Structure formats: C-alpha cells, structure tokens
All heavy atoms as atom14 arrays in JSON, in Angstrom:
{
  "sequence": "RFRVTITPKHKAKDINNFVNALDSVWSKLDLKRSDPKESTSESNL",
  "atom14_mask": [
    [1, 1, 1, 1, 1, 1, 1, 1, 1, 1, 1, 0, 0, 0],
    [1, 1, 1, 1, 1, 1, 1, 1, 1, 1, 1, 0, 0, 0],
    [1, 1, 1, 1, 1, 1, 1, 1, 1, 1, 1, 0, 0, 0],
    [1, 1, 1, 1, 1, 1, 1, 0, 0, 0, 0, 0, 0, 0],
    [1, 1, 1, 1, 1, 1, 1, 0, 0, 0, 0, 0, 0, 0],
    [1, 1, 1, 1, 1, 1, 1, 1, 0, 0, 0, 0, 0, 0],
    [1, 1, 1, 1, 1, 1, 1, 0, 0, 0, 0, 0, 0, 0],
    [1, 1, 1, 1, 1, 1, 1, 0, 0, 0, 0, 0, 0, 0],
    [1, 1, 1, 1, 1, 1, 1, 1, 1, 0, 0, 0, 0, 0],
    [1, 1, 1, 1, 1, 1, 1, 1, 1, 1, 0, 0, 0, 0],
    [1, 1, 1, 1, 1, 1, 1, 1, 1, 0, 0, 0, 0, 0],
    [1, 1, 1, 1, 1, 0, 0, 0, 0, 0, 0, 0, 0, 0],
    [1, 1, 1, 1, 1, 1, 1, 1, 1, 0, 0, 0, 0, 0],
    [1, 1, 1, 1, 1, 1, 1, 1, 0, 0, 0, 0, 0, 0],
    [1, 1, 1, 1, 1, 1, 1, 1, 0, 0, 0, 0, 0, 0],
    [1, 1, 1, 1, 1, 1, 1, 1, 0, 0, 0, 0, 0, 0],
    [1, 1, 1, 1, 1, 1, 1, 1, 0, 0, 0, 0, 0, 0],
    [1, 1, 1, 1, 1, 1, 1, 1, 1, 1, 1, 0, 0, 0],
    [1, 1, 1, 1, 1, 1, 1, 0, 0, 0, 0, 0, 0, 0],
    [1, 1, 1, 1, 1, 1, 1, 1, 0, 0, 0, 0, 0, 0],
    [1, 1, 1, 1, 1, 0, 0, 0, 0, 0, 0, 0, 0, 0],
    [1, 1, 1, 1, 1, 1, 1, 1, 0, 0, 0, 0, 0, 0],
    [1, 1, 1, 1, 1, 1, 1, 1, 0, 0, 0, 0, 0, 0],
    [1, 1, 1, 1, 1, 1, 0, 0, 0, 0, 0, 0, 0, 0],
    [1, 1, 1, 1, 1, 1, 1, 0, 0, 0, 0, 0, 0, 0],
    [1, 1, 1, 1, 1, 1, 1, 1, 1, 1, 1, 1, 1, 1],
    [1, 1, 1, 1, 1, 1, 0, 0, 0, 0, 0, 0, 0, 0],
    [1, 1, 1, 1, 1, 1, 1, 1, 1, 0, 0, 0, 0, 0],
    [1, 1, 1, 1, 1, 1, 1, 1, 0, 0, 0, 0, 0, 0],
    [1, 1, 1, 1, 1, 1, 1, 1, 0, 0, 0, 0, 0, 0],
    [1, 1, 1, 1, 1, 1, 1, 1, 0, 0, 0, 0, 0, 0],
    [1, 1, 1, 1, 1, 1, 1, 1, 1, 0, 0, 0, 0, 0],
    [1, 1, 1, 1, 1, 1, 1, 1, 1, 1, 1, 0, 0, 0],
    [1, 1, 1, 1, 1, 1, 0, 0, 0, 0, 0, 0, 0, 0],
    [1, 1, 1, 1, 1, 1, 1, 1, 0, 0, 0, 0, 0, 0],
    [1, 1, 1, 1, 1, 1, 1, 0, 0, 0, 0, 0, 0, 0],
    [1, 1, 1, 1, 1, 1, 1, 1, 1, 0, 0, 0, 0, 0],
    [1, 1, 1, 1, 1, 1, 1, 1, 1, 0, 0, 0, 0, 0],
    [1, 1, 1, 1, 1, 1, 0, 0, 0, 0, 0, 0, 0, 0],
    [1, 1, 1, 1, 1, 1, 1, 0, 0, 0, 0, 0, 0, 0],
    [1, 1, 1, 1, 1, 1, 0, 0, 0, 0, 0, 0, 0, 0],
    [1, 1, 1, 1, 1, 1, 1, 1, 1, 0, 0, 0, 0, 0],
    [1, 1, 1, 1, 1, 1, 0, 0, 0, 0, 0, 0, 0, 0],
    [1, 1, 1, 1, 1, 1, 1, 1, 0, 0, 0, 0, 0, 0],
    [1, 1, 1, 1, 1, 1, 1, 1, 0, 0, 0, 0, 0, 0]
  ],
  "atom14_positions": [
    [[20.8, 41.34, 121.02], [21.35, 42.24, 120.01], [22.1, 43.42, 120.62], [22.02, 43.68, 121.82], [20.21, 42.78, 119.15], [19.27, 43.7, 119.92], [18.06, 44.11, 119.13], [17.19, 42.99, 118.84], [16.06, 43.08, 118.17], [15.67, 44.24, 117.7], [15.3, 42.03, 117.96], [0.0, 0.0, 0.0], [0.0, 0.0, 0.0], [0.0, 0.0, 0.0]],
    [[22.77, 44.15, 119.75], [23.2, 45.51, 120.03], [22.21, 46.43, 119.33], [21.73, 46.13, 118.24], [24.6, 45.8, 119.47], [25.71, 45.04, 120.12], [26.84, 44.68, 119.39], [25.65, 44.67, 121.45], [27.88, 43.99, 119.98], [26.68, 43.97, 122.06], [27.8, 43.63, 121.31], [0.0, 0.0, 0.0], [0.0, 0.0, 0.0], [0.0, 0.0, 0.0]],
    [[21.92, 47.54, 119.97], [21.05, 48.55, 119.35], [21.9, 49.81, 119.15], [22.13, 50.57, 120.07], [19.84, 48.85, 120.25], [18.93, 49.95, 119.72], [17.82, 50.2, 120.73], [16.93, 51.27, 120.34], [17.14, 52.57, 120.62], [18.22, 52.94, 121.29], [16.27, 53.48, 120.23], [0.0, 0.0, 0.0], [0.0, 0.0, 0.0], [0.0, 0.0, 0.0]],
    [[22.38, 49.98, 117.94], [23.29, 51.09, 117.63], [22.47, 52.33, 117.28], [21.53, 52.26, 116.49], [24.21, 50.72, 116.45], [25.16, 51.87, 116.14], [24.98, 49.45, 116.75], [0.0, 0.0, 0.0], [0.0, 0.0, 0.0], [0.0, 0.0, 0.0], [0.0, 0.0, 0.0], [0.0, 0.0, 0.0], [0.0, 0.0, 0.0], [0.0, 0.0, 0.0]],
    [[22.82, 53.44, 117.91], [22.19, 54.72, 117.56], [23.28, 55.74, 117.24], [24.21, 55.95, 118.02], [21.31, 55.24, 118.71], [22.06, 55.2, 119.94], [20.06, 54.4, 118.86], [0.0, 0.0, 0.0], [0.0, 0.0, 0.0], [0.0, 0.0, 0.0], [0.0, 0.0, 0.0], [0.0, 0.0, 0.0], [0.0, 0.0, 0.0], [0.0, 0.0, 0.0]],
    [[23.15, 56.35, 116.1], [24.13, 57.31, 115.59], [23.67, 58.72, 115.91], [22.48, 59.03, 115.82], [24.3, 57.18, 114.07], [24.37, 55.72, 113.66], [25.54, 57.92, 113.59], [25.55, 54.97, 114.14], [0.0, 0.0, 0.0], [0.0, 0.0, 0.0], [0.0, 0.0, 0.0], [0.0, 0.0, 0.0], [0.0, 0.0, 0.0], [0.0, 0.0, 0.0]],
    [[24.59, 59.58, 116.27], [24.26, 60.98, 116.5], [25.01, 61.86, 115.49], [25.92, 61.38, 114.8], [24.66, 61.41, 117.93], [26.09, 61.57, 118.0], [24.19, 60.41, 118.97], [0.0, 0.0, 0.0], [0.0, 0.0, 0.0], [0.0, 0.0, 0.0], [0.0, 0.0, 0.0], [0.0, 0.0, 0.0], [0.0, 0.0, 0.0], [0.0, 0.0, 0.0]],
    [[24.67, 63.13, 115.41], [25.38, 64.02, 114.48], [26.86, 64.18, 114.84], [27.67, 64.57, 113.99], [24.64, 65.36, 114.62], [23.32, 65.01, 115.19], [23.54, 63.82, 116.06], [0.0, 0.0, 0.0], [0.0, 0.0, 0.0], [0.0, 0.0, 0.0], [0.0, 0.0, 0.0], [0.0, 0.0, 0.0], [0.0, 0.0, 0.0], [0.0, 0.0, 0.0]],
    [[27.22, 63.92, 116.1], [28.61, 64.13, 116.53], [29.53, 62.96, 116.21], [30.74, 63.07, 116.36], [28.64, 64.44, 118.03], [28.09, 65.82, 118.39], [28.34, 66.17, 119.84], [27.87, 67.57, 120.17], [28.14, 67.94, 121.58], [0.0, 0.0, 0.0], [0.0, 0.0, 0.0], [0.0, 0.0, 0.0], [0.0, 0.0, 0.0], [0.0, 0.0, 0.0]],
    [[28.97, 61.83, 115.79], [29.81, 60.74, 115.32], [30.37, 61.11, 113.95], [29.64, 61.55, 113.06], [29.02, 59.43, 115.22], [28.7, 58.81, 116.54], [27.55, 59.09, 117.25], [29.39, 57.9, 117.29], [27.54, 58.39, 118.38], [28.64, 57.67, 118.43], [0.0, 0.0, 0.0], [0.0, 0.0, 0.0], [0.0, 0.0, 0.0], [0.0, 0.0, 0.0]],
    [[31.67, 60.93, 113.78], [32.34, 61.26, 112.53], [32.54, 60.0, 111.68], [32.43, 58.88, 112.18], [33.7, 61.91, 112.8], [33.65, 63.09, 113.75], [32.77, 64.21, 113.23], [32.78, 65.41, 114.19], [31.83, 66.45, 113.78], [0.0, 0.0, 0.0], [0.0, 0.0, 0.0], [0.0, 0.0, 0.0], [0.0, 0.0, 0.0], [0.0, 0.0, 0.0]],
    [[32.89, 60.21, 110.41], [33.12, 59.08, 109.51], [34.23, 58.18, 110.02], [34.14, 56.95, 109.94], [33.44, 59.6, 108.11], [0.0, 0.0, 0.0], [0.0, 0.0, 0.0], [0.0, 0.0, 0.0], [0.0, 0.0, 0.0], [0.0, 0.0, 0.0], [0.0, 0.0, 0.0], [0.0, 0.0, 0.0], [0.0, 0.0, 0.0], [0.0, 0.0, 0.0]],
    [[35.28, 58.78, 110.59], [36.39, 57.97, 111.12], [35.93, 57.15, 112.33], [36.41, 56.03, 112.55], [37.58, 58.85, 111.48], [37.36, 59.82, 112.61], [38.64, 60.59, 112.94], [38.41, 61.54, 114.12], [39.65, 62.27, 114.48], [0.0, 0.0, 0.0], [0.0, 0.0, 0.0], [0.0, 0.0, 0.0], [0.0, 0.0, 0.0], [0.0, 0.0, 0.0]],
    [[35.01, 57.71, 113.13], [34.45, 56.96, 114.27], [33.7, 55.73, 113.77], [33.83, 54.64, 114.34], [33.51, 57.84, 115.09], [34.18, 59.05, 115.71], [35.36, 58.95, 116.07], [33.51, 60.09, 115.83], [0.0, 0.0, 0.0], [0.0, 0.0, 0.0], [0.0, 0.0, 0.0], [0.0, 0.0, 0.0], [0.0, 0.0, 0.0], [0.0, 0.0, 0.0]],
    [[32.91, 55.93, 112.73], [32.13, 54.83, 112.16], [33.04, 53.75, 111.6], [32.83, 52.55, 111.81], [31.16, 55.37, 111.09], [30.12, 56.29, 111.73], [30.49, 54.22, 110.33], [29.26, 57.04, 110.75], [0.0, 0.0, 0.0], [0.0, 0.0, 0.0], [0.0, 0.0, 0.0], [0.0, 0.0, 0.0], [0.0, 0.0, 0.0], [0.0, 0.0, 0.0]],
    [[34.09, 54.17, 110.91], [35.05, 53.22, 110.35], [35.72, 52.4, 111.46], [35.84, 51.17, 111.35], [36.09, 53.97, 109.53], [37.02, 53.03, 108.79], [36.59, 52.21, 107.99], [38.32, 53.15, 109.05], [0.0, 0.0, 0.0], [0.0, 0.0, 0.0], [0.0, 0.0, 0.0], [0.0, 0.0, 0.0], [0.0, 0.0, 0.0], [0.0, 0.0, 0.0]],
    [[36.13, 53.08, 112.53], [36.75, 52.38, 113.66], [35.77, 51.43, 114.33], [36.15, 50.32, 114.74], [37.27, 53.4, 114.68], [38.46, 54.2, 114.18], [39.16, 53.76, 113.26], [38.68, 55.36, 114.77], [0.0, 0.0, 0.0], [0.0, 0.0, 0.0], [0.0, 0.0, 0.0], [0.0, 0.0, 0.0], [0.0, 0.0, 0.0], [0.0, 0.0, 0.0]],
    [[34.52, 51.86, 114.44], [33.49, 51.04, 115.07], [33.26, 49.75, 114.27], [33.22, 48.65, 114.83], [32.2, 51.84, 115.18], [31.03, 51.08, 115.73], [31.0, 50.68, 117.06], [29.94, 50.76, 114.93], [29.93, 49.98, 117.58], [28.86, 50.06, 115.44], [28.85, 49.66, 116.77], [0.0, 0.0, 0.0], [0.0, 0.0, 0.0], [0.0, 0.0, 0.0]],
    [[33.12, 49.88, 112.95], [32.89, 48.71, 112.11], [34.1, 47.77, 112.15], [33.95, 46.54, 112.24], [32.59, 49.14, 110.65], [32.58, 47.94, 109.71], [31.25, 49.87, 110.58], [0.0, 0.0, 0.0], [0.0, 0.0, 0.0], [0.0, 0.0, 0.0], [0.0, 0.0, 0.0], [0.0, 0.0, 0.0], [0.0, 0.0, 0.0], [0.0, 0.0, 0.0]],
    [[35.31, 48.33, 112.12], [36.51, 47.5, 112.18], [36.6, 46.74, 113.51], [37.0, 45.57, 113.55], [37.76, 48.36, 111.98], [37.93, 48.83, 110.55], [37.38, 48.22, 109.62], [38.68, 49.9, 110.35], [0.0, 0.0, 0.0], [0.0, 0.0, 0.0], [0.0, 0.0, 0.0], [0.0, 0.0, 0.0], [0.0, 0.0, 0.0], [0.0, 0.0, 0.0]],
    [[36.21, 47.42, 114.59], [36.22, 46.77, 115.9], [35.21, 45.63, 115.95], [35.5, 44.54, 116.46], [35.94, 47.8, 117.0], [0.0, 0.0, 0.0], [0.0, 0.0, 0.0], [0.0, 0.0, 0.0], [0.0, 0.0, 0.0], [0.0, 0.0, 0.0], [0.0, 0.0, 0.0], [0.0, 0.0, 0.0], [0.0, 0.0, 0.0], [0.0, 0.0, 0.0]],
    [[34.01, 45.87, 115.42], [33.0, 44.82, 115.36], [33.5, 43.63, 114.54], [33.34, 42.46, 114.95], [31.71, 45.35, 114.75], [30.79, 46.2, 115.62], [29.65, 46.75, 114.78], [30.24, 45.41, 116.79], [0.0, 0.0, 0.0], [0.0, 0.0, 0.0], [0.0, 0.0, 0.0], [0.0, 0.0, 0.0], [0.0, 0.0, 0.0], [0.0, 0.0, 0.0]],
    [[34.09, 43.92, 113.4], [34.61, 42.87, 112.53], [35.63, 42.01, 113.28], [35.62, 40.77, 113.21], [35.24, 43.51, 111.3], [35.68, 42.49, 110.27], [35.06, 41.4, 110.18], [36.65, 42.77, 109.55], [0.0, 0.0, 0.0], [0.0, 0.0, 0.0], [0.0, 0.0, 0.0], [0.0, 0.0, 0.0], [0.0, 0.0, 0.0], [0.0, 0.0, 0.0]],
    [[36.51, 42.66, 114.03], [37.53, 41.95, 114.8], [36.91, 41.09, 115.9], [37.28, 39.92, 116.08], [38.51, 42.96, 115.4], [39.48, 42.31, 116.19], [0.0, 0.0, 0.0], [0.0, 0.0, 0.0], [0.0, 0.0, 0.0], [0.0, 0.0, 0.0], [0.0, 0.0, 0.0], [0.0, 0.0, 0.0], [0.0, 0.0, 0.0], [0.0, 0.0, 0.0]],
    [[35.94, 41.65, 116.62], [35.29, 40.92, 117.71], [34.51, 39.73, 117.14], [34.52, 38.63, 117.73], [34.37, 41.86, 118.5], [33.44, 41.07, 119.42], [35.19, 42.86, 119.31], [0.0, 0.0, 0.0], [0.0, 0.0, 0.0], [0.0, 0.0, 0.0], [0.0, 0.0, 0.0], [0.0, 0.0, 0.0], [0.0, 0.0, 0.0], [0.0, 0.0, 0.0]],
    [[33.84, 39.93, 116.02], [33.09, 38.82, 115.4], [34.05, 37.66, 115.06], [33.7, 36.49, 115.24], [32.38, 39.32, 114.15], [30.89, 39.3, 114.27], [30.01, 38.48, 113.63], [30.08, 40.16, 115.11], [28.71, 38.77, 114.0], [28.73, 39.8, 114.9], [30.37, 41.19, 115.99], [27.67, 40.42, 115.56], [29.32, 41.83, 116.65], [28.0, 41.44, 116.44]],
    [[35.24, 38.0, 114.59], [36.21, 36.96, 114.26], [36.77, 36.28, 115.51], [36.87, 35.05, 115.57], [37.36, 37.56, 113.44], [36.9, 38.03, 112.19], [0.0, 0.0, 0.0], [0.0, 0.0, 0.0], [0.0, 0.0, 0.0], [0.0, 0.0, 0.0], [0.0, 0.0, 0.0], [0.0, 0.0, 0.0], [0.0, 0.0, 0.0], [0.0, 0.0, 0.0]],
    [[37.11, 37.06, 116.52], [37.69, 36.5, 117.75], [36.72, 35.58, 118.47], [37.13, 34.56, 119.04], [38.13, 37.64, 118.68], [39.34, 38.41, 118.19], [39.7, 39.54, 119.16], [40.92, 40.31, 118.68], [41.28, 41.41, 119.62], [0.0, 0.0, 0.0], [0.0, 0.0, 0.0], [0.0, 0.0, 0.0], [0.0, 0.0, 0.0], [0.0, 0.0, 0.0]],
    [[35.43, 35.92, 118.45], [34.43, 35.11, 119.15], [33.73, 34.12, 118.22], [32.85, 33.37, 118.66], [33.39, 36.02, 119.8], [33.89, 36.93, 120.94], [32.75, 37.82, 121.45], [34.47, 36.11, 122.07], [0.0, 0.0, 0.0], [0.0, 0.0, 0.0], [0.0, 0.0, 0.0], [0.0, 0.0, 0.0], [0.0, 0.0, 0.0], [0.0, 0.0, 0.0]],
    [[34.14, 34.14, 116.94], [33.54, 33.25, 115.94], [32.03, 33.39, 115.92], [31.28, 32.41, 115.95], [33.93, 31.79, 116.21], [33.63, 30.87, 115.01], [33.6, 31.4, 113.88], [33.43, 29.67, 115.22], [0.0, 0.0, 0.0], [0.0, 0.0, 0.0], [0.0, 0.0, 0.0], [0.0, 0.0, 0.0], [0.0, 0.0, 0.0], [0.0, 0.0, 0.0]],
    [[31.57, 34.63, 115.85], [30.14, 34.91, 115.85], [29.56, 34.72, 114.45], [30.27, 34.83, 113.44], [29.89, 36.35, 116.32], [30.33, 36.67, 117.75], [30.16, 38.15, 118.04], [29.54, 35.84, 118.76], [0.0, 0.0, 0.0], [0.0, 0.0, 0.0], [0.0, 0.0, 0.0], [0.0, 0.0, 0.0], [0.0, 0.0, 0.0], [0.0, 0.0, 0.0]],
    [[28.26, 34.47, 114.43], [27.57, 34.21, 113.16], [27.61, 35.44, 112.26], [27.29, 36.56, 112.68], [26.12, 33.81, 113.44], [25.32, 33.49, 112.18], [23.88, 33.11, 112.53], [23.06, 32.84, 111.29], [21.65, 32.51, 111.61], [0.0, 0.0, 0.0], [0.0, 0.0, 0.0], [0.0, 0.0, 0.0], [0.0, 0.0, 0.0], [0.0, 0.0, 0.0]],
    [[28.0, 35.24, 111.02], [27.98, 36.3, 110.02], [26.71, 36.2, 109.19], [26.05, 35.16, 109.14], [29.19, 36.17, 109.09], [30.54, 36.24, 109.79], [31.06, 37.63, 109.88], [32.39, 37.68, 110.51], [33.16, 38.75, 110.55], [32.73, 39.89, 109.99], [34.33, 38.71, 111.14], [0.0, 0.0, 0.0], [0.0, 0.0, 0.0], [0.0, 0.0, 0.0]],
    [[26.37, 37.3, 108.53], [25.19, 37.29, 107.67], [25.55, 36.72, 106.3], [26.7, 36.79, 105.87], [24.63, 38.7, 107.51], [25.62, 39.56, 106.96], [0.0, 0.0, 0.0], [0.0, 0.0, 0.0], [0.0, 0.0, 0.0], [0.0, 0.0, 0.0], [0.0, 0.0, 0.0], [0.0, 0.0, 0.0], [0.0, 0.0, 0.0], [0.0, 0.0, 0.0]],
    [[24.55, 36.16, 105.66], [24.7, 35.68, 104.29], [24.42, 36.85, 103.36], [23.31, 37.41, 103.38], [23.72, 34.54, 104.03], [23.89, 33.93, 102.64], [24.54, 34.57, 101.79], [23.35, 32.84, 102.42], [0.0, 0.0, 0.0], [0.0, 0.0, 0.0], [0.0, 0.0, 0.0], [0.0, 0.0, 0.0], [0.0, 0.0, 0.0], [0.0, 0.0, 0.0]],
    [[25.4, 37.27, 102.56], [25.18, 38.44, 101.68], [23.97, 38.29, 100.77], [23.39, 39.27, 100.33], [26.48, 38.49, 100.85], [27.48, 37.74, 101.67], [26.72, 36.68, 102.4], [0.0, 0.0, 0.0], [0.0, 0.0, 0.0], [0.0, 0.0, 0.0], [0.0, 0.0, 0.0], [0.0, 0.0, 0.0], [0.0, 0.0, 0.0], [0.0, 0.0, 0.0]],
    [[23.58, 37.04, 100.49], [22.44, 36.81, 99.6], [21.1, 36.9, 100.32], [20.06, 36.91, 99.69], [22.57, 35.43, 98.95], [23.82, 35.26, 98.1], [23.91, 33.85, 97.55], [25.19, 33.66, 96.74], [25.29, 32.27, 96.22], [0.0, 0.0, 0.0], [0.0, 0.0, 0.0], [0.0, 0.0, 0.0], [0.0, 0.0, 0.0], [0.0, 0.0, 0.0]],
    [[21.15, 36.93, 101.66], [19.91, 36.89, 102.44], [19.5, 38.28, 102.86], [20.3, 39.06, 103.38], [20.11, 36.01, 103.68], [18.84, 35.79, 104.48], [19.07, 34.83, 105.64], [19.07, 33.62, 105.42], [19.27, 35.32, 106.77], [0.0, 0.0, 0.0], [0.0, 0.0, 0.0], [0.0, 0.0, 0.0], [0.0, 0.0, 0.0], [0.0, 0.0, 0.0]],
    [[18.23, 38.62, 102.66], [17.72, 39.93, 103.04], [17.59, 40.06, 104.55], [17.22, 39.12, 105.23], [16.35, 40.17, 102.4], [15.74, 41.33, 102.93], [0.0, 0.0, 0.0], [0.0, 0.0, 0.0], [0.0, 0.0, 0.0], [0.0, 0.0, 0.0], [0.0, 0.0, 0.0], [0.0, 0.0, 0.0], [0.0, 0.0, 0.0], [0.0, 0.0, 0.0]],
    [[17.93, 41.24, 105.06], [17.71, 41.53, 106.47], [16.77, 42.72, 106.6], [16.88, 43.55, 107.48], [19.04, 41.86, 107.19], [19.7, 42.91, 106.48], [19.93, 40.64, 107.24], [0.0, 0.0, 0.0], [0.0, 0.0, 0.0], [0.0, 0.0, 0.0], [0.0, 0.0, 0.0], [0.0, 0.0, 0.0], [0.0, 0.0, 0.0], [0.0, 0.0, 0.0]],
    [[15.83, 42.81, 105.67], [14.94, 43.95, 105.62], [13.65, 43.67, 106.37], [13.44, 42.6, 106.93], [14.62, 44.3, 104.16], [13.86, 43.26, 103.59], [0.0, 0.0, 0.0], [0.0, 0.0, 0.0], [0.0, 0.0, 0.0], [0.0, 0.0, 0.0], [0.0, 0.0, 0.0], [0.0, 0.0, 0.0], [0.0, 0.0, 0.0], [0.0, 0.0, 0.0]],
    [[12.76, 44.66, 106.35], [11.46, 44.52, 107.03], [10.66, 43.36, 106.48], [9.86, 42.76, 107.2], [10.68, 45.83, 106.88], [9.37, 45.84, 107.64], [8.7, 47.19, 107.6], [9.26, 48.12, 107.01], [7.61, 47.31, 108.19], [0.0, 0.0, 0.0], [0.0, 0.0, 0.0], [0.0, 0.0, 0.0], [0.0, 0.0, 0.0], [0.0, 0.0, 0.0]],
    [[10.88, 43.0, 105.24], [10.12, 41.9, 104.66], [10.48, 40.56, 105.26], [9.77, 39.58, 105.11], [10.34, 41.86, 103.13], [11.71, 41.61, 102.85], [0.0, 0.0, 0.0], [0.0, 0.0, 0.0], [0.0, 0.0, 0.0], [0.0, 0.0, 0.0], [0.0, 0.0, 0.0], [0.0, 0.0, 0.0], [0.0, 0.0, 0.0], [0.0, 0.0, 0.0]],
    [[11.61, 40.5, 105.96], [12.05, 39.25, 106.56], [11.71, 39.22, 108.05], [12.52, 38.87, 108.89], [13.57, 39.1, 106.37], [14.02, 37.65, 106.47], [13.21, 36.74, 106.43], [15.32, 37.45, 106.61], [0.0, 0.0, 0.0], [0.0, 0.0, 0.0], [0.0, 0.0, 0.0], [0.0, 0.0, 0.0], [0.0, 0.0, 0.0], [0.0, 0.0, 0.0]],
    [[10.48, 39.58, 108.37], [10.09, 39.79, 109.76], [9.96, 38.51, 110.57], [9.8, 38.59, 111.78], [8.77, 40.57, 109.82], [8.93, 42.08, 109.76], [7.57, 42.74, 109.78], [9.76, 42.59, 110.92], [0.0, 0.0, 0.0], [0.0, 0.0, 0.0], [0.0, 0.0, 0.0], [0.0, 0.0, 0.0], [0.0, 0.0, 0.0], [0.0, 0.0, 0.0]]
  ]
}
C-alpha cells in the first residue's frame, strides 16, 4: 500500500493535484480500482 498522511500545510490545490496524479497513474498501470458499491470501512476487516 501507500500510507498517506496529511499535514496542516497541505492545501486544497495540493490535494486535488495529488488525487489527479493518482488517477493518472492508476490508469497508466491499469491498477485495480475500487467498486463504489463495496465498503472499505473498518467493518470490512
């Protein structure tokens, strides 16, 4: 996994760029996407 940790100095634009970069990398490497209908919460341990 990646373990993402956010600090107070990260801005909204940083977060937007980060998510867009991840989205692009996931597409380029054809990585597994999550099923929107499937829970990724603590109950799915």
